[in-house]
């Protein structure tokens, strides 16, 4: 079975970018967790995509996500 680290390494290679560090992976997973627990689970991949599209460092994206509070109307 292929590990997630192996898959990410190969996907990164095909994208022509460096694979994320173990610390970046942990931070990205924390970002996904914050989004998933604050809203529907689908917010997790979308939040990660938005952060990457904006060019945010994973730790910057995590801090921003932790500051998001939406009132339930």
PDB file of N, CA and C in Angstrom:
ATOM      1  N   UNK A   1       0.843  -1.179   0.000  1.00  0.00           N
ATOM      2  CA  UNK A   1       0.000   0.000   0.000  1.00  0.00           C
ATOM      3  C   UNK A   1       0.890   1.244   0.000  1.00  0.00           C
ATOM      4  N   UNK A   2       0.515   2.212  -0.773  1.00  0.00           N
ATOM      5  CA  UNK A   2       1.241   3.470  -0.852  1.00  0.00           C
ATOM      6  C   UNK A   2       0.856   4.347   0.344  1.00  0.00           C
ATOM      7  N   UNK A   3       1.850   4.947   0.974  1.00  0.00           N
ATOM      8  CA  UNK A   3       1.554   5.840   2.094  1.00  0.00           C
ATOM      9  C   UNK A   3       1.147   7.214   1.566  1.00  0.00           C
ATOM     10  N   UNK A   4       0.539   8.003   2.430  1.00  0.00           N
ATOM     11  CA  UNK A   4       0.161   9.359   2.023  1.00  0.00           C
ATOM     12  C   UNK A   4       1.408  10.174   1.695  1.00  0.00           C
ATOM     13  N   UNK A   5       2.490   9.977   2.444  1.00  0.00           N
ATOM     14  CA  UNK A   5       3.730  10.714   2.171  1.00  0.00           C
ATOM     15  C   UNK A   5       4.283  10.364   0.791  1.00  0.00           C
ATOM     16  N   UNK A   6       4.231   9.094   0.423  1.00  0.00           N
ATOM     17  CA  UNK A   6       4.700   8.679  -0.902  1.00  0.00           C
ATOM     18  C   UNK A   6       3.826   9.283  -1.999  1.00  0.00           C
ATOM     19  N   UNK A   7       2.518   9.257  -1.790  1.00  0.00           N
ATOM     20  CA  UNK A   7       1.612   9.804  -2.803  1.00  0.00           C
ATOM     21  C   UNK A   7       1.833  11.300  -2.974  1.00  0.00           C
ATOM     22  N   UNK A   8       1.956  12.010  -1.854  1.00  0.00           N
ATOM     23  CA  UNK A   8       2.184  13.461  -1.906  1.00  0.00           C
ATOM     24  C   UNK A   8       3.521  13.761  -2.590  1.00  0.00           C
ATOM     25  N   UNK A   9       4.536  12.966  -2.296  1.00  0.00           N
ATOM     26  CA  UNK A   9       5.846  13.150  -2.932  1.00  0.00           C
ATOM     27  C   UNK A   9       5.719  13.034  -4.451  1.00  0.00           C
ATOM     28  N   UNK A  10       5.023  12.001  -4.914  1.00  0.00           N
ATOM     29  CA  UNK A  10       4.856  11.798  -6.360  1.00  0.00           C
ATOM     30  C   UNK A  10       3.975  12.882  -6.978  1.00  0.00           C
ATOM     31  N   UNK A  11       2.910  13.266  -6.312  1.00  0.00           N
ATOM     32  CA  UNK A  11       2.047  14.331  -6.816  1.00  0.00           C
ATOM     33  C   UNK A  11       2.834  15.638  -6.917  1.00  0.00           C
ATOM     34  N   UNK A  12       3.626  15.922  -5.904  1.00  0.00           N
ATOM     35  CA  UNK A  12       4.464  17.130  -5.922  1.00  0.00           C
ATOM     36  C   UNK A  12       5.436  17.104  -7.094  1.00  0.00           C
ATOM     37  N   UNK A  13       6.055  15.939  -7.299  1.00  0.00           N
ATOM     38  CA  UNK A  13       6.999  15.799  -8.417  1.00  0.00           C
ATOM     39  C   UNK A  13       6.306  16.092  -9.741  1.00  0.00           C
ATOM     40  N   UNK A  14       5.106  15.565  -9.912  1.00  0.00           N
ATOM     41  CA  UNK A  14       4.376  15.781 -11.167  1.00  0.00           C
ATOM     42  C   UNK A  14       3.929  17.231 -11.325  1.00  0.00           C
ATOM     43  N   UNK A  15       3.707  17.916 -10.208  1.00  0.00           N
ATOM     44  CA  UNK A  15       3.368  19.341 -10.260  1.00  0.00           C
ATOM     45  C   UNK A  15       4.599  20.210 -10.506  1.00  0.00           C
ATOM     46  N   UNK A  16       5.767  19.638 -10.274  1.00  0.00           N
ATOM     47  CA  UNK A  16       6.999  20.396 -10.443  1.00  0.00           C
ATOM     48  C   UNK A  16       7.302  21.300  -9.258  1.00  0.00           C
ATOM     49  N   UNK A  17       6.846  20.891  -8.066  1.00  0.00           N
ATOM     50  CA  UNK A  17       7.083  21.671  -6.850  1.00  0.00           C
ATOM     51  C   UNK A  17       7.683  20.759  -5.778  1.00  0.00           C
ATOM     52  N   UNK A  18       8.294  21.383  -4.777  1.00  0.00           N
ATOM     53  CA  UNK A  18       8.814  20.615  -3.652  1.00  0.00           C
ATOM     54  C   UNK A  18       7.659  20.081  -2.827  1.00  0.00           C
ATOM     55  N   UNK A  19       7.835  18.875  -2.317  1.00  0.00           N
ATOM     56  CA  UNK A  19       6.832  18.307  -1.414  1.00  0.00           C
ATOM     57  C   UNK A  19       6.864  19.078  -0.098  1.00  0.00           C
ATOM     58  N   UNK A  20       5.741  19.179   0.589  1.00  0.00           N
ATOM     59  CA  UNK A  20       5.724  19.890   1.865  1.00  0.00           C
ATOM     60  C   UNK A  20       6.531  19.125   2.918  1.00  0.00           C
ATOM     61  N   UNK A  21       7.086  19.873   3.857  1.00  0.00           N
ATOM     62  CA  UNK A  21       7.804  19.259   4.975  1.00  0.00           C
ATOM     63  C   UNK A  21       6.810  18.549   5.886  1.00  0.00           C
ATOM     64  N   UNK A  22       7.322  17.720   6.782  1.00  0.00           N
ATOM     65  CA  UNK A  22       6.440  17.050   7.739  1.00  0.00           C
ATOM     66  C   UNK A  22       5.701  18.083   8.589  1.00  0.00           C
ATOM     67  N   UNK A  23       6.390  19.168   8.959  1.00  0.00           N
ATOM     68  CA  UNK A  23       5.758  20.219   9.759  1.00  0.00           C
ATOM     69  C   UNK A  23       4.644  20.902   8.962  1.00  0.00           C
ATOM     70  N   UNK A  24       4.897  21.185   7.676  1.00  0.00           N
ATOM     71  CA  UNK A  24       3.863  21.796   6.835  1.00  0.00           C
ATOM     72  C   UNK A  24       2.660  20.874   6.692  1.00  0.00           C
ATOM     73  N   UNK A  25       2.897  19.580   6.540  1.00  0.00           N
ATOM     74  CA  UNK A  25       1.791  18.626   6.432  1.00  0.00           C
ATOM     75  C   UNK A  25       0.957  18.656   7.711  1.00  0.00           C
ATOM     76  N   UNK A  26       1.622  18.656   8.859  1.00  0.00           N
ATOM     77  CA  UNK A  26       0.898  18.706  10.130  1.00  0.00           C
ATOM     78  C   UNK A  26       0.070  19.981  10.239  1.00  0.00           C
ATOM     79  N   UNK A  27       0.632  21.101   9.815  1.00  0.00           N
ATOM     80  CA  UNK A  27      -0.075  22.381   9.876  1.00  0.00           C
ATOM     81  C   UNK A  27      -1.256  22.399   8.913  1.00  0.00           C
ATOM     82  N   UNK A  28      -1.061  21.860   7.720  1.00  0.00           N
ATOM     83  CA  UNK A  28      -2.148  21.788   6.738  1.00  0.00           C
ATOM     84  C   UNK A  28      -3.287  20.920   7.273  1.00  0.00           C
ATOM     85  N   UNK A  29      -2.944  19.817   7.919  1.00  0.00           N
ATOM     86  CA  UNK A  29      -3.975  18.955   8.499  1.00  0.00           C
ATOM     87  C   UNK A  29      -4.698  19.662   9.634  1.00  0.00           C
ATOM     88  N   UNK A  30      -3.974  20.474  10.397  1.00  0.00           N
ATOM     89  CA  UNK A  30      -4.624  21.278  11.444  1.00  0.00           C
ATOM     90  C   UNK A  30      -5.575  22.294  10.821  1.00  0.00           C
ATOM     91  N   UNK A  31      -5.146  22.935   9.743  1.00  0.00           N
ATOM     92  CA  UNK A  31      -6.006  23.881   9.025  1.00  0.00           C
ATOM     93  C   UNK A  31      -7.284  23.178   8.571  1.00  0.00           C
ATOM     94  N   UNK A  32      -7.134  22.009   7.979  1.00  0.00           N
ATOM     95  CA  UNK A  32      -8.303  21.254   7.525  1.00  0.00           C
ATOM     96  C   UNK A  32      -9.209  20.904   8.699  1.00  0.00           C
ATOM     97  N   UNK A  33      -8.607  20.558   9.828  1.00  0.00           N
ATOM     98  CA  UNK A  33      -9.391  20.222  11.012  1.00  0.00           C
ATOM     99  C   UNK A  33     -10.174  21.401  11.542  1.00  0.00           C
ATOM    100  N   UNK A  34      -9.540  22.571  11.567  1.00  0.00           N
ATOM    101  CA  UNK A  34     -10.232  23.776  12.031  1.00  0.00           C
ATOM    102  C   UNK A  34     -11.444  24.048  11.145  1.00  0.00           C
ATOM    103  N   UNK A  35     -11.242  23.992   9.833  1.00  0.00           N
ATOM    104  CA  UNK A  35     -12.342  24.262   8.902  1.00  0.00           C
ATOM    105  C   UNK A  35     -13.444  23.217   9.028  1.00  0.00           C
ATOM    106  N   UNK A  36     -13.067  21.961   9.140  1.00  0.00           N
ATOM    107  CA  UNK A  36     -14.052  20.884   9.211  1.00  0.00           C
ATOM    108  C   UNK A  36     -14.875  20.931  10.496  1.00  0.00           C
ATOM    109  N   UNK A  37     -14.251  21.357  11.584  1.00  0.00           N
ATOM    110  CA  UNK A  37     -14.975  21.409  12.855  1.00  0.00           C
ATOM    111  C   UNK A  37     -15.784  22.691  13.018  1.00  0.00           C
ATOM    112  N   UNK A  38     -15.434  23.715  12.269  1.00  0.00           N
ATOM    113  CA  UNK A  38     -16.153  24.988  12.365  1.00  0.00           C
ATOM    114  C   UNK A  38     -17.375  25.025  11.455  1.00  0.00           C
ATOM    115  N   UNK A  39     -17.398  24.143  10.465  1.00  0.00           N
ATOM    116  CA  UNK A  39     -18.485  24.130   9.482  1.00  0.00           C
ATOM    117  C   UNK A  39     -18.666  22.694   8.997  1.00  0.00           C
ATOM    118  N   UNK A  40     -19.266  22.547   7.858  1.00  0.00           N
ATOM    119  CA  UNK A  40     -19.387  21.223   7.251  1.00  0.00           C
ATOM    120  C   UNK A  40     -17.998  20.729   6.853  1.00  0.00           C
ATOM    121  N   UNK A  41     -17.825  19.417   6.803  1.00  0.00           N
ATOM    122  CA  UNK A  41     -16.518  18.844   6.480  1.00  0.00           C
ATOM    123  C   UNK A  41     -15.975  19.313   5.145  1.00  0.00           C
ATOM    124  N   UNK A  42     -16.851  19.639   4.209  1.00  0.00           N
ATOM    125  CA  UNK A  42     -16.386  20.069   2.890  1.00  0.00           C
ATOM    126  C   UNK A  42     -15.607  21.375   2.954  1.00  0.00           C
ATOM    127  N   UNK A  43     -15.727  22.114   4.056  1.00  0.00           N
ATOM    128  CA  UNK A  43     -14.954  23.350   4.202  1.00  0.00           C
ATOM    129  C   UNK A  43     -13.456  23.058   4.284  1.00  0.00           C
ATOM    130  N   UNK A  44     -13.074  21.863   4.723  1.00  0.00           N
ATOM    131  CA  UNK A  44     -11.656  21.528   4.910  1.00  0.00           C
ATOM    132  C   UNK A  44     -10.851  21.581   3.604  1.00  0.00           C
ATOM    133  N   UNK A  45     -11.220  20.817   2.575  1.00  0.00           N
ATOM    134  CA  UNK A  45     -10.419  20.892   1.354  1.00  0.00           C
ATOM    135  C   UNK A  45     -10.521  22.249   0.665  1.00  0.00           C
ATOM    136  N   UNK A  46     -11.671  22.874   0.771  1.00  0.00           N
ATOM    137  CA  UNK A  46     -11.834  24.186   0.133  1.00  0.00           C
ATOM    138  C   UNK A  46     -10.954  25.227   0.831  1.00  0.00           C
ATOM    139  N   UNK A  47     -10.880  25.186   2.153  1.00  0.00           N
ATOM    140  CA  UNK A  47     -10.021  26.114   2.892  1.00  0.00           C
ATOM    141  C   UNK A  47      -8.557  25.920   2.507  1.00  0.00           C
ATOM    142  N   UNK A  48      -8.138  24.669   2.383  1.00  0.00           N
ATOM    143  CA  UNK A  48      -6.749  24.397   1.990  1.00  0.00           C
ATOM    144  C   UNK A  48      -6.482  24.893   0.568  1.00  0.00           C
ATOM    145  N   UNK A  49      -7.424  24.685  -0.328  1.00  0.00           N
ATOM    146  CA  UNK A  49      -7.270  25.154  -1.705  1.00  0.00           C
ATOM    147  C   UNK A  49      -7.187  26.676  -1.739  1.00  0.00           C
ATOM    148  N   UNK A  50      -8.082  27.344  -0.990  1.00  0.00           N
ATOM    149  CA  UNK A  50      -8.073  28.809  -0.961  1.00  0.00           C
ATOM    150  C   UNK A  50      -6.746  29.346  -0.421  1.00  0.00           C
ATOM    151  N   UNK A  51      -6.241  28.737   0.635  1.00  0.00           N
ATOM    152  CA  UNK A  51      -4.967  29.167   1.207  1.00  0.00           C
ATOM    153  C   UNK A  51      -3.839  29.015   0.194  1.00  0.00           C
ATOM    154  N   UNK A  52      -3.813  27.880  -0.485  1.00  0.00           N
ATOM    155  CA  UNK A  52      -2.770  27.649  -1.491  1.00  0.00           C
ATOM    156  C   UNK A  52      -2.913  28.614  -2.661  1.00  0.00           C
ATOM    157  N   UNK A  53      -4.139  28.818  -3.090  1.00  0.00           N
ATOM    158  CA  UNK A  53      -4.385  29.734  -4.224  1.00  0.00           C
ATOM    159  C   UNK A  53      -3.941  31.150  -3.886  1.00  0.00           C
ATOM    160  N   UNK A  54      -4.110  31.532  -2.628  1.00  0.00           N
ATOM    161  CA  UNK A  54      -3.712  32.863  -2.182  1.00  0.00           C
ATOM    162  C   UNK A  54      -2.209  32.933  -1.908  1.00  0.00           C
ATOM    163  N   UNK A  55      -1.549  31.795  -1.864  1.00  0.00           N
ATOM    164  CA  UNK A  55      -0.109  31.761  -1.635  1.00  0.00           C
ATOM    165  C   UNK A  55       0.289  31.881  -0.176  1.00  0.00           C
ATOM    166  N   UNK A  56      -0.639  31.545   0.725  1.00  0.00           N
ATOM    167  CA  UNK A  56      -0.340  31.646   2.151  1.00  0.00           C
ATOM    168  C   UNK A  56       0.538  30.494   2.612  1.00  0.00           C
ATOM    169  N   UNK A  57       1.450  30.801   3.503  1.00  0.00           N
ATOM    170  CA  UNK A  57       2.221  29.789   4.201  1.00  0.00           C
ATOM    171  C   UNK A  57       1.230  29.004   5.065  1.00  0.00           C
ATOM    172  N   UNK A  58       1.422  27.698   5.234  1.00  0.00           N
ATOM    173  CA  UNK A  58       0.463  26.928   6.033  1.00  0.00           C
ATOM    174  C   UNK A  58       0.214  27.494   7.424  1.00  0.00           C
ATOM    175  N   UNK A  59       1.248  27.990   8.085  1.00  0.00           N
ATOM    176  CA  UNK A  59       1.038  28.534   9.440  1.00  0.00           C
ATOM    177  C   UNK A  59       0.230  29.824   9.406  1.00  0.00           C
ATOM    178  N   UNK A  60       0.414  30.635   8.366  1.00  0.00           N
ATOM    179  CA  UNK A  60      -0.399  31.849   8.215  1.00  0.00           C
ATOM    180  C   UNK A  60      -1.860  31.477   7.967  1.00  0.00           C
ATOM    181  N   UNK A  61      -2.059  30.483   7.120  1.00  0.00           N
ATOM    182  CA  UNK A  61      -3.422  30.043   6.807  1.00  0.00           C
ATOM    183  C   UNK A  61      -4.103  29.479   8.046  1.00  0.00           C
ATOM    184  N   UNK A  62      -3.373  28.707   8.846  1.00  0.00           N
ATOM    185  CA  UNK A  62      -3.942  28.135  10.062  1.00  0.00           C
ATOM    186  C   UNK A  62      -4.341  29.234  11.035  1.00  0.00           C
ATOM    187  N   UNK A  63      -3.472  30.218  11.236  1.00  0.00           N
ATOM    188  CA  UNK A  63      -3.785  31.325  12.143  1.00  0.00           C
ATOM    189  C   UNK A  63      -5.013  32.083  11.670  1.00  0.00           C
ATOM    190  N   UNK A  64      -5.105  32.319  10.374  1.00  0.00           N
ATOM    191  CA  UNK A  64      -6.270  33.020   9.834  1.00  0.00           C
ATOM    192  C   UNK A  64      -7.537  32.193  10.040  1.00  0.00           C
ATOM    193  N   UNK A  65      -7.459  30.902   9.761  1.00  0.00           N
ATOM    194  CA  UNK A  65      -8.628  30.030   9.933  1.00  0.00           C
ATOM    195  C   UNK A  65      -9.091  30.006  11.388  1.00  0.00           C
ATOM    196  N   UNK A  66      -8.143  30.009  12.298  1.00  0.00           N
ATOM    197  CA  UNK A  66      -8.496  29.989  13.719  1.00  0.00           C
ATOM    198  C   UNK A  66      -9.184  31.279  14.155  1.00  0.00           C
ATOM    199  N   UNK A  67      -9.013  32.347  13.378  1.00  0.00           N
ATOM    200  CA  UNK A  67      -9.636  33.615  13.726  1.00  0.00           C
ATOM    201  C   UNK A  67     -11.025  33.783  13.120  1.00  0.00           C
ATOM    202  N   UNK A  68     -11.427  32.873  12.257  1.00  0.00           N
ATOM    203  CA  UNK A  68     -12.718  32.975  11.587  1.00  0.00           C
ATOM    204  C   UNK A  68     -13.836  32.506  12.527  1.00  0.00           C
ATOM    205  N   UNK A  69     -14.784  33.376  12.731  1.00  0.00           N
ATOM    206  CA  UNK A  69     -15.958  33.048  13.537  1.00  0.00           C
ATOM    207  C   UNK A  69     -17.172  33.585  12.793  1.00  0.00           C
ATOM    208  N   UNK A  70     -18.054  32.691  12.418  1.00  0.00           N
ATOM    209  CA  UNK A  70     -19.259  33.073  11.688  1.00  0.00           C
ATOM    210  C   UNK A  70     -20.449  32.853  12.601  1.00  0.00           C
ATOM    211  N   UNK A  71     -21.222  33.908  12.775  1.00  0.00           N
ATOM    212  CA  UNK A  71     -22.419  33.792  13.610  1.00  0.00           C
ATOM    213  C   UNK A  71     -23.451  32.944  12.898  1.00  0.00           C
ATOM    214  N   UNK A  72     -24.061  32.042  13.621  1.00  0.00           N
ATOM    215  CA  UNK A  72     -25.104  31.183  13.088  1.00  0.00           C
ATOM    216  C   UNK A  72     -26.407  31.975  13.062  1.00  0.00           C
ATOM    217  N   UNK A  73     -26.834  32.391  11.884  1.00  0.00           N
ATOM    218  CA  UNK A  73     -28.027  33.246  11.776  1.00  0.00           C
ATOM    219  C   UNK A  73     -29.288  32.452  11.694  1.00  0.00           C
TER     220      UNK A  73
END
